[in-house]
Amino acid sequence: MACYQAKDKGRNKVFVYTHNDGSYNRYVSEMEWVMRVRSALDSDRFCLYAQTIAPLQNPNERGMHFEVLLRLKDEQGQIIGPGAFIPAAERYGMMPMLDRWVISHALQSLARRPAGSRPVDTCAINLSGASLDDEELLHFVKKQIVLHGIAPHLLCFEITETSAIANLSNATRLIQALRALGCRFALDDFGVGMSSLTYLKQLPVDYVKIDGGFVRDMLQEPSNHAMVEMINRIGHILGKKTVAEFVESREIAQALQAMGVDYGQGYAIARPTPLVPEYFLPNSGGELPQWCEELITQ
């Protein structure tokens, strides 16, 4: 643990261990999570949830649009959110393995939709920054698409703005290769980086997801409202669709619709629900609330 601390402080450093050091305790906690993640993979205790995304501008867009989210079941069957284990998985190089698990199981869920399911327009799947450097990922995705018989245009891979910028050349190559298959791409958490707009021109993505930190308080903070408006306008100028995250009230959804934002995602629209076969059926957890349906068709 002291070795990792020395590396984090810039390498070629000396770090002395003390039993009450807070950083050491953080590393111990992360190592525990690494072991729990490995155990969950070995015993198949990961599961997928889905969060519905609502169209705000096109009332004729009736196909399901949702984002796939990863959850972990602990030894007692309790569901644990990604905020608990993803940091450790990122630090210790486990994200490419988790990304592959999510991709294969998400496509498996799509392939096993029951009879009478609603049509799917977009299944969004997150990719970590580490997976952008995985030279075998493209081959893996192709293999899973063929194995499960999924139309590539149903898939939209999401990468965060910061990971895309940190791996710009690899990200661009992967995006171009997957888009050539028919897949789509979204740039997640957009607006956090200071050089966002410069890189947006270089990345051939289909969607820009406006960072929820701006959206959540946009009705109380004029500066956040202006940021959302600016990102939406620039995204449209560059030919991208826009998605606002953290839509936590009906009033925010109405403001976004008036602004021209294409899609909304957040607890006011839908909370994450287990991605089980019933999710795809009519009158299931994947349905939009009545007020949202009325807003879209106005």
Protein backbone atom coordinates (compact mmCIF):
# COMPACT_ATOMS: atom_id res chain seq x y z
CA MET A 1 0.00 0.00 0.00
CA ALA A 2 2.88 2.35 0.78
CA CYS A 3 4.30 1.52 -2.66
CA TYR A 4 1.05 2.56 -4.35
CA GLN A 5 1.04 5.77 -2.33
CA ALA A 6 4.56 6.59 -3.47
CA LYS A 7 3.56 5.95 -7.10
CA ASP A 8 0.50 8.17 -6.78
CA LYS A 9 2.64 11.00 -5.46
CA GLY A 10 4.73 10.99 -8.63
CA ARG A 11 7.02 7.93 -8.34
CA ASN A 12 10.61 8.05 -7.11
CA LYS A 13 9.17 9.00 -3.73
CA VAL A 14 9.35 7.64 -0.21
CA PHE A 15 6.13 7.02 1.68
CA VAL A 16 6.16 5.82 5.28
CA TYR A 17 3.27 3.67 6.45
CA THR A 18 1.37 4.57 9.61
CA HIS A 19 -1.55 2.52 10.83
CA ASN A 20 -3.94 5.50 11.12
CA ASP A 21 -3.20 6.97 7.69
CA GLY A 22 -6.45 7.76 5.86
CA SER A 23 -4.96 7.08 2.43
CA TYR A 24 -3.82 3.65 3.55
CA ASN A 25 -7.32 2.87 4.76
CA ARG A 26 -8.69 3.90 1.38
CA TYR A 27 -6.32 1.49 -0.35
CA VAL A 28 -7.32 -1.32 2.01
CA SER A 29 -10.97 -0.62 1.18
CA GLU A 30 -10.23 -0.63 -2.55
CA MET A 31 -8.35 -3.91 -2.34
CA GLU A 32 -11.30 -5.42 -0.51
CA TRP A 33 -13.57 -4.25 -3.33
CA VAL A 34 -11.21 -5.75 -5.91
CA MET A 35 -11.57 -9.14 -4.21
CA ARG A 36 -15.34 -8.72 -4.01
CA VAL A 37 -15.54 -7.83 -7.71
CA ARG A 38 -13.50 -10.90 -8.64
CA SER A 39 -15.70 -13.06 -6.44
CA ALA A 40 -18.85 -11.58 -7.99
CA LEU A 41 -17.55 -12.32 -11.48
CA ASP A 42 -16.63 -15.87 -10.53
CA SER A 43 -20.02 -16.55 -8.92
CA ASP A 44 -22.10 -14.58 -11.47
CA ARG A 45 -23.42 -12.03 -8.98
CA PHE A 46 -23.46 -9.03 -11.29
CA CYS A 47 -26.75 -7.94 -12.82
CA LEU A 48 -28.00 -5.31 -15.23
CA TYR A 49 -30.48 -2.52 -14.67
CA ALA A 50 -31.97 -0.22 -17.31
CA GLN A 51 -33.01 3.43 -17.17
CA THR A 52 -35.50 4.65 -19.74
CA ILE A 53 -34.61 7.75 -21.79
CA ALA A 54 -37.50 9.90 -23.04
CA PRO A 55 -37.71 11.66 -26.41
CA LEU A 56 -38.65 15.30 -25.80
CA GLN A 57 -39.11 16.52 -29.36
CA ASN A 58 -40.37 13.68 -31.54
CA PRO A 59 -43.74 12.21 -30.46
CA ASN A 60 -43.51 9.58 -33.22
CA GLU A 61 -40.37 8.01 -31.75
CA ARG A 62 -41.98 5.11 -29.92
CA GLY A 63 -39.14 2.56 -29.77
CA MET A 64 -37.55 1.94 -26.36
CA HIS A 65 -34.48 4.04 -25.61
CA PHE A 66 -32.63 3.06 -22.45
CA GLU A 67 -29.20 2.98 -20.81
CA VAL A 68 -27.80 -0.24 -19.34
CA LEU A 69 -26.41 0.09 -15.80
CA LEU A 70 -24.26 -2.35 -13.83
CA ARG A 71 -25.10 -3.53 -10.31
CA LEU A 72 -23.46 -6.02 -7.94
CA LYS A 73 -25.30 -8.46 -5.68
CA ASP A 74 -23.44 -9.03 -2.43
CA GLU A 75 -23.30 -12.34 -0.57
CA GLN A 76 -26.61 -11.52 1.17
CA GLY A 77 -28.36 -10.61 -2.10
CA GLN A 78 -28.31 -6.84 -1.50
CA ILE A 79 -27.93 -4.69 -4.63
CA ILE A 80 -24.83 -2.45 -4.63
CA GLY A 81 -24.51 0.54 -6.96
CA PRO A 82 -21.45 1.12 -9.15
CA GLY A 83 -20.18 4.03 -7.07
CA ALA A 84 -19.01 1.52 -4.45
CA PHE A 85 -16.92 -0.77 -6.67
CA ILE A 86 -16.13 1.05 -9.93
CA PRO A 87 -13.33 3.27 -8.47
CA ALA A 88 -11.44 0.19 -7.27
CA ALA A 89 -12.07 -1.61 -10.58
CA GLU A 90 -10.71 1.40 -12.46
CA ARG A 91 -7.61 1.73 -10.29
CA TYR A 92 -6.70 -1.95 -10.53
CA GLY A 93 -7.37 -2.47 -14.25
CA MET A 94 -10.58 -4.48 -14.03
CA MET A 95 -12.84 -2.25 -16.13
CA PRO A 96 -12.21 -3.92 -19.53
CA MET A 97 -13.33 -7.22 -17.97
CA LEU A 98 -16.48 -5.61 -16.53
CA ASP A 99 -17.22 -3.79 -19.79
CA ARG A 100 -17.11 -7.10 -21.66
CA TRP A 101 -19.45 -8.68 -19.12
CA VAL A 102 -21.93 -5.84 -19.57
CA ILE A 103 -21.75 -5.98 -23.38
CA SER A 104 -22.31 -9.74 -23.59
CA HIS A 105 -25.16 -9.77 -21.06
CA ALA A 106 -26.85 -6.67 -22.52
CA LEU A 107 -26.89 -8.25 -25.97
CA GLN A 108 -28.09 -11.50 -24.44
CA SER A 109 -31.01 -9.61 -22.84
CA LEU A 110 -31.89 -8.03 -26.19
CA ALA A 111 -31.79 -11.41 -27.90
CA ARG A 112 -34.09 -12.97 -25.28
CA ARG A 113 -36.90 -10.42 -25.45
CA PRO A 114 -40.22 -12.23 -25.04
CA ALA A 115 -42.96 -12.33 -27.64
CA GLY A 116 -45.07 -9.20 -27.61
CA SER A 117 -42.17 -6.96 -26.57
CA ARG A 118 -42.10 -3.32 -27.51
CA PRO A 119 -39.67 -2.38 -30.29
CA VAL A 120 -36.21 -1.23 -29.20
CA ASP A 121 -34.73 1.88 -30.75
CA THR A 122 -31.55 2.33 -28.68
CA CYS A 123 -29.70 0.32 -26.06
CA ALA A 124 -26.93 2.49 -24.59
CA ILE A 125 -23.90 0.73 -23.08
CA ASN A 126 -21.09 2.48 -21.21
CA LEU A 127 -17.44 1.93 -22.08
CA SER A 128 -14.66 2.82 -19.65
CA GLY A 129 -11.56 4.76 -20.60
CA ALA A 130 -9.46 1.61 -20.19
CA SER A 131 -11.55 -0.21 -22.80
CA LEU A 132 -10.66 2.44 -25.36
CA ASP A 133 -7.10 1.05 -25.21
CA ASP A 134 -8.30 -2.56 -25.54
CA GLU A 135 -7.21 -3.59 -29.02
CA GLU A 136 -9.37 -6.72 -28.90
CA LEU A 137 -12.60 -4.93 -27.95
CA LEU A 138 -13.72 -4.36 -31.54
CA HIS A 139 -13.38 -8.06 -32.31
CA PHE A 140 -15.24 -8.93 -29.10
CA VAL A 141 -18.16 -6.63 -29.95
CA LYS A 142 -18.40 -8.05 -33.47
CA LYS A 143 -18.42 -11.58 -32.07
CA GLN A 144 -21.18 -10.75 -29.57
CA ILE A 145 -23.32 -9.08 -32.24
CA VAL A 146 -23.11 -12.19 -34.43
CA LEU A 147 -23.52 -14.60 -31.50
CA HIS A 148 -26.74 -12.98 -30.26
CA GLY A 149 -28.06 -11.86 -33.66
CA ILE A 150 -28.43 -8.20 -32.66
CA ALA A 151 -28.77 -5.46 -35.26
CA PRO A 152 -25.78 -3.11 -34.70
CA HIS A 153 -27.91 0.02 -35.12
CA LEU A 154 -29.70 -0.79 -31.85
CA LEU A 155 -26.45 -0.29 -29.90
CA CYS A 156 -25.14 3.06 -28.71
CA PHE A 157 -21.84 3.01 -26.82
CA GLU A 158 -21.25 5.79 -24.31
CA ILE A 159 -17.83 7.14 -23.41
CA THR A 160 -17.19 10.01 -21.01
CA GLU A 161 -15.78 13.25 -22.28
CA THR A 162 -12.71 13.01 -20.01
CA SER A 163 -11.84 9.44 -21.07
CA ALA A 164 -12.31 10.30 -24.74
CA ILE A 165 -9.97 13.28 -24.48
CA ALA A 166 -7.38 11.26 -22.53
CA ASN A 167 -7.45 8.53 -25.21
CA LEU A 168 -8.30 10.67 -28.22
CA SER A 169 -6.61 8.72 -31.01
CA ASN A 170 -7.75 5.32 -29.70
CA ALA A 171 -11.25 6.63 -29.01
CA THR A 172 -11.53 8.02 -32.52
CA ARG A 173 -10.38 4.76 -34.10
CA LEU A 174 -12.80 2.66 -32.03
CA ILE A 175 -15.72 5.00 -32.69
CA GLN A 176 -15.08 4.99 -36.43
CA ALA A 177 -14.76 1.19 -36.53
CA LEU A 178 -17.94 0.53 -34.54
CA ARG A 179 -19.89 3.17 -36.43
CA ALA A 180 -18.82 1.45 -39.66
CA LEU A 181 -20.66 -1.63 -38.35
CA GLY A 182 -23.77 0.48 -37.76
CA CYS A 183 -23.40 1.16 -34.02
CA ARG A 184 -23.84 4.65 -32.59
CA PHE A 185 -21.84 6.61 -30.02
CA ALA A 186 -22.62 9.12 -27.28
CA LEU A 187 -20.25 11.48 -25.49
CA ASP A 188 -21.23 11.30 -21.82
CA ASP A 189 -20.89 13.95 -19.06
CA PHE A 190 -20.28 16.65 -21.66
CA GLY A 191 -19.35 20.11 -20.42
CA VAL A 192 -16.99 19.13 -17.61
CA GLY A 193 -13.75 19.63 -19.55
CA MET A 194 -12.47 23.09 -20.37
CA SER A 195 -11.64 22.17 -23.97
CA SER A 196 -14.86 20.31 -24.64
CA LEU A 197 -15.94 22.08 -27.79
CA THR A 198 -12.58 21.66 -29.49
CA TYR A 199 -12.68 17.89 -29.06
CA LEU A 200 -16.37 17.61 -29.91
CA LYS A 201 -15.53 18.63 -33.47
CA GLN A 202 -13.00 15.79 -33.72
CA LEU A 203 -15.06 12.96 -32.26
CA PRO A 204 -17.58 11.37 -34.68
CA VAL A 205 -20.32 10.81 -32.08
CA ASP A 206 -24.08 10.77 -32.64
CA TYR A 207 -25.22 12.05 -29.22
CA VAL A 208 -23.98 14.57 -26.69
CA LYS A 209 -25.10 13.91 -23.10
CA ILE A 210 -25.19 17.17 -21.17
CA ASP A 211 -23.57 16.74 -17.76
CA GLY A 212 -26.22 16.38 -15.06
CA GLY A 213 -24.45 18.85 -12.80
CA PHE A 214 -25.66 21.63 -15.10
CA VAL A 215 -29.14 20.19 -15.62
CA ARG A 216 -30.09 19.48 -12.01
CA ASP A 217 -29.97 23.13 -10.89
CA MET A 218 -30.66 24.84 -14.21
CA LEU A 219 -33.92 26.39 -13.00
CA GLN A 220 -32.24 27.96 -9.96
CA GLU A 221 -28.84 28.80 -11.47
CA PRO A 222 -28.91 31.07 -14.54
CA SER A 223 -25.31 30.14 -15.40
CA ASN A 224 -26.22 26.43 -15.51
CA HIS A 225 -29.26 27.21 -17.64
CA ALA A 226 -27.02 29.09 -20.05
CA MET A 227 -24.55 26.17 -20.17
CA VAL A 228 -27.29 23.68 -21.02
CA GLU A 229 -28.64 26.02 -23.68
CA MET A 230 -25.18 26.56 -25.19
CA ILE A 231 -24.26 22.85 -25.26
CA ASN A 232 -27.60 21.98 -26.84
CA ARG A 233 -27.23 24.64 -29.51
CA ILE A 234 -23.63 23.76 -30.38
CA GLY A 235 -24.46 20.06 -30.43
CA HIS A 236 -27.22 20.70 -32.95
CA ILE A 237 -24.99 22.92 -35.08
CA LEU A 238 -22.50 20.03 -35.25
CA GLY A 239 -25.26 17.59 -36.22
CA LYS A 240 -25.52 15.76 -32.87
CA LYS A 241 -28.62 14.81 -30.90
CA THR A 242 -28.59 16.03 -27.28
CA VAL A 243 -29.51 14.14 -24.10
CA ALA A 244 -29.93 15.89 -20.74
CA GLU A 245 -29.03 13.85 -17.66
CA PHE A 246 -30.37 14.28 -14.10
CA VAL A 247 -33.87 15.33 -15.11
CA GLU A 248 -35.29 15.27 -11.61
CA SER A 249 -38.56 17.20 -12.01
CA ARG A 250 -41.34 17.74 -14.50
CA GLU A 251 -40.45 21.44 -14.63
CA ILE A 252 -36.89 20.66 -15.75
CA ALA A 253 -38.24 18.36 -18.47
CA GLN A 254 -40.57 21.10 -19.71
CA ALA A 255 -37.73 23.64 -19.77
CA LEU A 256 -35.51 21.24 -21.70
CA GLN A 257 -38.24 20.55 -24.22
CA ALA A 258 -38.80 24.29 -24.75
CA MET A 259 -35.05 24.70 -25.19
CA GLY A 260 -35.00 22.05 -27.93
CA VAL A 261 -33.06 19.29 -26.12
CA ASP A 262 -33.80 16.00 -27.87
CA TYR A 263 -33.91 13.54 -24.95
CA GLY A 264 -34.20 13.54 -21.17
CA GLN A 265 -32.93 11.02 -18.64
CA GLY A 266 -33.39 11.10 -14.88
CA TYR A 267 -35.46 10.05 -11.88
CA ALA A 268 -38.43 12.23 -12.85
CA ILE A 269 -38.73 10.23 -16.07
CA ALA A 270 -37.74 6.76 -14.87
CA ARG A 271 -35.69 5.17 -12.13
CA PRO A 272 -33.35 2.29 -13.00
CA THR A 273 -35.15 -1.06 -12.98
CA PRO A 274 -33.84 -4.62 -13.42
CA LEU A 275 -33.19 -5.52 -17.05
CA VAL A 276 -35.32 -8.66 -17.02
CA PRO A 277 -37.52 -9.99 -19.85
CA GLU A 278 -40.59 -8.21 -18.43
CA TYR A 279 -38.86 -4.84 -18.89
CA PHE A 280 -39.54 -5.05 -22.64
CA LEU A 281 -43.24 -5.82 -22.32
CA PRO A 282 -46.02 -3.20 -22.51
CA ASN A 283 -47.11 -1.71 -19.17
CA SER A 284 -43.80 -2.61 -17.56
CA GLY A 285 -41.16 -0.66 -15.64
CA GLY A 286 -39.79 0.60 -18.94
CA GLU A 287 -42.87 2.71 -19.70
CA LEU A 288 -42.76 6.52 -19.53
CA PRO A 289 -44.91 8.22 -16.88
CA GLN A 290 -48.24 9.64 -18.08
CA TRP A 291 -47.16 13.27 -17.66
CA CYS A 292 -44.12 12.62 -19.82
CA GLU A 293 -46.24 11.03 -22.54
CA GLU A 294 -48.50 14.08 -22.47
CA LEU A 295 -45.53 16.45 -22.61
CA ILE A 296 -44.09 14.70 -25.66
CA THR A 297 -47.38 14.67 -27.59
CA GLN A 298 -48.31 18.29 -26.90
